[in-house]
Amino acid sequence: MRSKTQPDLNVVKGILSDITYASKATANAKEATTDADISALVQRAIKRRQESITQYKAGGRTDLVETEEKEVVVLQRYLPEQMSEEEIELEVRRVVEVVGAKDQKDLGKVMKKWSVDGARAPRKAVTDVVKRFNADAIEIKI
C-alpha cells in the first residue's frame, strides 16, 4: 500500500473490506481470518474480475478490460503458488491408490481424502482431474 499505485491500492482496500465483512458475518471473528478463508476470498475476487473481463470484452470496453486485468495480476500476487495439472494428477493418483477407488462412484471418497489446501489447487480443477482419471481407468478395463 505504500507504493500508492491506484490499481494496487484499490485491490488491497477491496480485499481488506471483504475480509472485514466476512469476519463480521460469522459468529466467531477468528473463523473468517484463517489463511484458507482469505485465499478463498481472493480467489472469489479474481473470479468476479474474470467474469467482468468477459462482459467488458463483449461490450467492447477495452479500457475497463485493461483495468480488470491489472487488478487480477495484483490479486494473484496474494495467492500461494498454484499446483500444476501434473502435480494435481500425481496427488490424485496417490489418493486413488490409498482409497482404492475403481470407478466414478468412488469420486466422493477421493474428494474426501484430498488433503491439499484449496488455495493451491481449486476444487474444480481437482474434480476435473479425478473424473478424467476415473474415465481413463474405466476405458482401460474395457
C-alpha atoms as a PDB file:
ATOM      1  CA  MET A   1       0.000   0.000   0.000  1.00  0.00           C
ATOM      2  CA  ARG A   2       2.986   2.285   0.349  1.00  0.00           C
ATOM      3  CA  SER A   3       3.562   2.307  -3.411  1.00  0.00           C
ATOM      4  CA  LYS A   4       0.245   4.164  -3.793  1.00  0.00           C
ATOM      5  CA  THR A   5      -0.315   2.865  -7.295  1.00  0.00           C
ATOM      6  CA  GLN A   6      -4.035   3.146  -7.855  1.00  0.00           C
ATOM      7  CA  PRO A   7      -4.852  -0.413  -9.055  1.00  0.00           C
ATOM      8  CA  ASP A   8      -2.854  -1.944  -6.193  1.00  0.00           C
ATOM      9  CA  LEU A   9      -4.417   0.372  -3.655  1.00  0.00           C
ATOM     10  CA  ASN A  10      -7.977  -0.259  -4.857  1.00  0.00           C
ATOM     11  CA  VAL A  11      -7.484  -4.022  -4.852  1.00  0.00           C
ATOM     12  CA  VAL A  12      -5.916  -4.166  -1.393  1.00  0.00           C
ATOM     13  CA  LYS A  13      -8.607  -1.943   0.094  1.00  0.00           C
ATOM     14  CA  GLY A  14     -11.284  -4.091  -1.540  1.00  0.00           C
ATOM     15  CA  ILE A  15      -9.821  -7.322  -0.167  1.00  0.00           C
ATOM     16  CA  LEU A  16      -9.447  -5.817   3.308  1.00  0.00           C
ATOM     17  CA  SER A  17     -13.083  -4.780   3.107  1.00  0.00           C
ATOM     18  CA  ASP A  18     -14.095  -8.308   2.048  1.00  0.00           C
ATOM     19  CA  ILE A  19     -12.119  -9.801   4.941  1.00  0.00           C
ATOM     20  CA  THR A  20     -13.726  -7.408   7.429  1.00  0.00           C
ATOM     21  CA  TYR A  21     -17.193  -8.134   6.072  1.00  0.00           C
ATOM     22  CA  ALA A  22     -16.598 -11.906   6.186  1.00  0.00           C
ATOM     23  CA  SER A  23     -15.301 -11.769   9.756  1.00  0.00           C
ATOM     24  CA  LYS A  24     -18.361  -9.801  10.881  1.00  0.00           C
ATOM     25  CA  ALA A  25     -20.705 -12.173   9.074  1.00  0.00           C
ATOM     26  CA  THR A  26     -19.512 -15.163  11.107  1.00  0.00           C
ATOM     27  CA  ALA A  27     -20.357 -15.721  14.745  1.00  0.00           C
ATOM     28  CA  ASN A  28     -16.704 -16.115  15.660  1.00  0.00           C
ATOM     29  CA  ALA A  29     -14.414 -13.472  14.126  1.00  0.00           C
ATOM     30  CA  LYS A  30     -11.404 -15.805  14.208  1.00  0.00           C
ATOM     31  CA  GLU A  31     -13.118 -18.282  11.878  1.00  0.00           C
ATOM     32  CA  ALA A  32     -13.106 -15.919   8.893  1.00  0.00           C
ATOM     33  CA  THR A  33      -9.479 -14.937   9.218  1.00  0.00           C
ATOM     34  CA  THR A  34      -7.778 -18.244   8.516  1.00  0.00           C
ATOM     35  CA  ASP A  35      -5.391 -18.395   5.589  1.00  0.00           C
ATOM     36  CA  ALA A  36      -7.705 -20.728   3.691  1.00  0.00           C
ATOM     37  CA  ASP A  37     -10.639 -18.343   4.073  1.00  0.00           C
ATOM     38  CA  ILE A  38      -8.604 -15.363   2.948  1.00  0.00           C
ATOM     39  CA  SER A  39      -7.325 -17.327  -0.035  1.00  0.00           C
ATOM     40  CA  ALA A  40     -10.910 -18.216  -0.891  1.00  0.00           C
ATOM     41  CA  LEU A  41     -11.860 -14.529  -0.719  1.00  0.00           C
ATOM     42  CA  VAL A  42      -9.003 -13.626  -3.049  1.00  0.00           C
ATOM     43  CA  GLN A  43      -9.982 -16.413  -5.460  1.00  0.00           C
ATOM     44  CA  ARG A  44     -13.580 -15.169  -5.479  1.00  0.00           C
ATOM     45  CA  ALA A  45     -12.367 -11.651  -6.211  1.00  0.00           C
ATOM     46  CA  ILE A  46     -10.307 -12.975  -9.127  1.00  0.00           C
ATOM     47  CA  LYS A  47     -13.284 -14.913 -10.446  1.00  0.00           C
ATOM     48  CA  ARG A  48     -15.519 -11.820 -10.241  1.00  0.00           C
ATOM     49  CA  ARG A  49     -12.976  -9.806 -12.183  1.00  0.00           C
ATOM     50  CA  GLN A  50     -12.570 -12.513 -14.825  1.00  0.00           C
ATOM     51  CA  GLU A  51     -16.336 -12.562 -15.310  1.00  0.00           C
ATOM     52  CA  SER A  52     -16.264  -8.778 -15.631  1.00  0.00           C
ATOM     53  CA  ILE A  53     -13.497  -9.043 -18.217  1.00  0.00           C
ATOM     54  CA  THR A  54     -15.603 -11.327 -20.414  1.00  0.00           C
ATOM     55  CA  GLN A  55     -18.578  -8.969 -20.133  1.00  0.00           C
ATOM     56  CA  TYR A  56     -16.463  -5.907 -20.891  1.00  0.00           C
ATOM     57  CA  LYS A  57     -14.930  -7.649 -23.911  1.00  0.00           C
ATOM     58  CA  ALA A  58     -18.410  -8.466 -25.186  1.00  0.00           C
ATOM     59  CA  GLY A  59     -19.358  -4.817 -24.715  1.00  0.00           C
ATOM     60  CA  GLY A  60     -16.211  -3.517 -26.404  1.00  0.00           C
ATOM     61  CA  ARG A  61     -14.917  -1.719 -23.299  1.00  0.00           C
ATOM     62  CA  THR A  62     -11.173  -2.272 -23.697  1.00  0.00           C
ATOM     63  CA  ASP A  63     -10.350   0.406 -21.113  1.00  0.00           C
ATOM     64  CA  LEU A  64     -12.229  -1.495 -18.405  1.00  0.00           C
ATOM     65  CA  VAL A  65     -10.781  -4.812 -19.609  1.00  0.00           C
ATOM     66  CA  GLU A  66      -7.262  -3.469 -19.059  1.00  0.00           C
ATOM     67  CA  THR A  67      -8.150  -2.195 -15.579  1.00  0.00           C
ATOM     68  CA  GLU A  68      -9.674  -5.525 -14.541  1.00  0.00           C
ATOM     69  CA  GLU A  69      -6.706  -7.482 -15.945  1.00  0.00           C
ATOM     70  CA  LYS A  70      -4.300  -5.334 -13.916  1.00  0.00           C
ATOM     71  CA  GLU A  71      -6.353  -5.999 -10.803  1.00  0.00           C
ATOM     72  CA  VAL A  72      -6.299  -9.756 -11.470  1.00  0.00           C
ATOM     73  CA  VAL A  73      -2.492  -9.626 -11.663  1.00  0.00           C
ATOM     74  CA  VAL A  74      -2.367  -7.784  -8.326  1.00  0.00           C
ATOM     75  CA  LEU A  75      -4.722 -10.296  -6.696  1.00  0.00           C
ATOM     76  CA  GLN A  76      -2.737 -13.274  -7.958  1.00  0.00           C
ATOM     77  CA  ARG A  77       0.290 -11.990  -6.066  1.00  0.00           C
ATOM     78  CA  TYR A  78      -1.597 -12.623  -2.821  1.00  0.00           C
ATOM     79  CA  LEU A  79      -2.344 -16.275  -3.584  1.00  0.00           C
ATOM     80  CA  PRO A  80       0.050 -19.126  -2.882  1.00  0.00           C
ATOM     81  CA  GLU A  81       1.646 -20.808  -5.881  1.00  0.00           C
ATOM     82  CA  GLN A  82      -0.939 -22.922  -7.697  1.00  0.00           C
ATOM     83  CA  MET A  83      -0.331 -26.603  -8.323  1.00  0.00           C
ATOM     84  CA  SER A  84       0.166 -27.562 -11.947  1.00  0.00           C
ATOM     85  CA  GLU A  85      -2.175 -30.061 -13.547  1.00  0.00           C
ATOM     86  CA  GLU A  86       0.605 -32.672 -13.437  1.00  0.00           C
ATOM     87  CA  GLU A  87       1.064 -32.141  -9.696  1.00  0.00           C
ATOM     88  CA  ILE A  88      -2.683 -32.437  -9.152  1.00  0.00           C
ATOM     89  CA  GLU A  89      -2.712 -35.615 -11.220  1.00  0.00           C
ATOM     90  CA  LEU A  90       0.129 -37.148  -9.177  1.00  0.00           C
ATOM     91  CA  GLU A  91      -1.679 -36.340  -5.931  1.00  0.00           C
ATOM     92  CA  VAL A  92      -4.941 -37.742  -7.315  1.00  0.00           C
ATOM     93  CA  ARG A  93      -3.180 -40.984  -8.280  1.00  0.00           C
ATOM     94  CA  ARG A  94      -1.779 -41.248  -4.750  1.00  0.00           C
ATOM     95  CA  VAL A  95      -5.200 -40.643  -3.178  1.00  0.00           C
ATOM     96  CA  VAL A  96      -6.889 -43.094  -5.568  1.00  0.00           C
ATOM     97  CA  GLU A  97      -4.386 -45.780  -4.554  1.00  0.00           C
ATOM     98  CA  VAL A  98      -4.909 -45.057  -0.854  1.00  0.00           C
ATOM     99  CA  VAL A  99      -8.703 -45.087  -1.153  1.00  0.00           C
ATOM    100  CA  GLY A 100      -8.791 -47.958  -3.627  1.00  0.00           C
ATOM    101  CA  ALA A 101     -11.111 -46.100  -5.997  1.00  0.00           C
ATOM    102  CA  LYS A 102     -12.105 -48.103  -9.033  1.00  0.00           C
ATOM    103  CA  ASP A 103     -14.907 -46.212 -10.761  1.00  0.00           C
ATOM    104  CA  GLN A 104     -16.929 -42.998 -10.898  1.00  0.00           C
ATOM    105  CA  LYS A 105     -18.893 -43.966  -7.769  1.00  0.00           C
ATOM    106  CA  ASP A 106     -15.720 -43.590  -5.711  1.00  0.00           C
ATOM    107  CA  LEU A 107     -15.318 -39.920  -6.676  1.00  0.00           C
ATOM    108  CA  GLY A 108     -16.712 -38.804  -3.307  1.00  0.00           C
ATOM    109  CA  LYS A 109     -14.222 -40.953  -1.396  1.00  0.00           C
ATOM    110  CA  VAL A 110     -11.324 -39.479  -3.345  1.00  0.00           C
ATOM    111  CA  MET A 111     -12.525 -35.913  -2.798  1.00  0.00           C
ATOM    112  CA  LYS A 112     -12.997 -36.516   0.957  1.00  0.00           C
ATOM    113  CA  LYS A 113      -9.467 -37.880   1.248  1.00  0.00           C
ATOM    114  CA  TRP A 114      -7.984 -34.957  -0.732  1.00  0.00           C
ATOM    115  CA  SER A 115      -5.722 -33.104   1.706  1.00  0.00           C
ATOM    116  CA  VAL A 116      -4.184 -30.307  -0.363  1.00  0.00           C
ATOM    117  CA  ASP A 117      -5.117 -26.740   0.545  1.00  0.00           C
ATOM    118  CA  GLY A 118      -7.855 -25.333  -1.655  1.00  0.00           C
ATOM    119  CA  ALA A 119      -5.776 -22.224  -2.283  1.00  0.00           C
ATOM    120  CA  ARG A 120      -3.107 -24.274  -4.052  1.00  0.00           C
ATOM    121  CA  ALA A 121      -5.482 -26.475  -6.036  1.00  0.00           C
ATOM    122  CA  PRO A 122      -9.037 -25.278  -6.710  1.00  0.00           C
ATOM    123  CA  ARG A 123     -11.716 -27.929  -6.107  1.00  0.00           C
ATOM    124  CA  LYS A 124     -12.994 -27.662  -9.678  1.00  0.00           C
ATOM    125  CA  ALA A 125      -9.559 -28.460 -11.119  1.00  0.00           C
ATOM    126  CA  VAL A 126      -9.203 -31.414  -8.750  1.00  0.00           C
ATOM    127  CA  THR A 127     -12.687 -32.712  -9.596  1.00  0.00           C
ATOM    128  CA  ASP A 128     -11.939 -32.472 -13.323  1.00  0.00           C
ATOM    129  CA  VAL A 129      -8.712 -34.453 -12.907  1.00  0.00           C
ATOM    130  CA  VAL A 130     -10.444 -37.094 -10.747  1.00  0.00           C
ATOM    131  CA  LYS A 131     -13.263 -37.503 -13.285  1.00  0.00           C
ATOM    132  CA  ARG A 132     -10.793 -37.756 -16.151  1.00  0.00           C
ATOM    133  CA  PHE A 133      -8.676 -40.214 -14.174  1.00  0.00           C
ATOM    134  CA  ASN A 134     -11.711 -42.386 -13.420  1.00  0.00           C
ATOM    135  CA  ALA A 135     -12.840 -42.245 -17.056  1.00  0.00           C
ATOM    136  CA  ASP A 136      -9.360 -43.313 -18.200  1.00  0.00           C
ATOM    137  CA  ALA A 137      -9.350 -46.190 -15.697  1.00  0.00           C
ATOM    138  CA  ILE A 138     -12.742 -47.395 -16.936  1.00  0.00           C
ATOM    139  CA  GLU A 139     -11.625 -47.246 -20.583  1.00  0.00           C
ATOM    140  CA  ILE A 140      -8.500 -49.258 -19.807  1.00  0.00           C
ATOM    141  CA  LYS A 141     -10.532 -52.027 -18.139  1.00  0.00           C
ATOM    142  CA  ILE A 142     -12.898 -52.386 -21.089  1.00  0.00           C
END
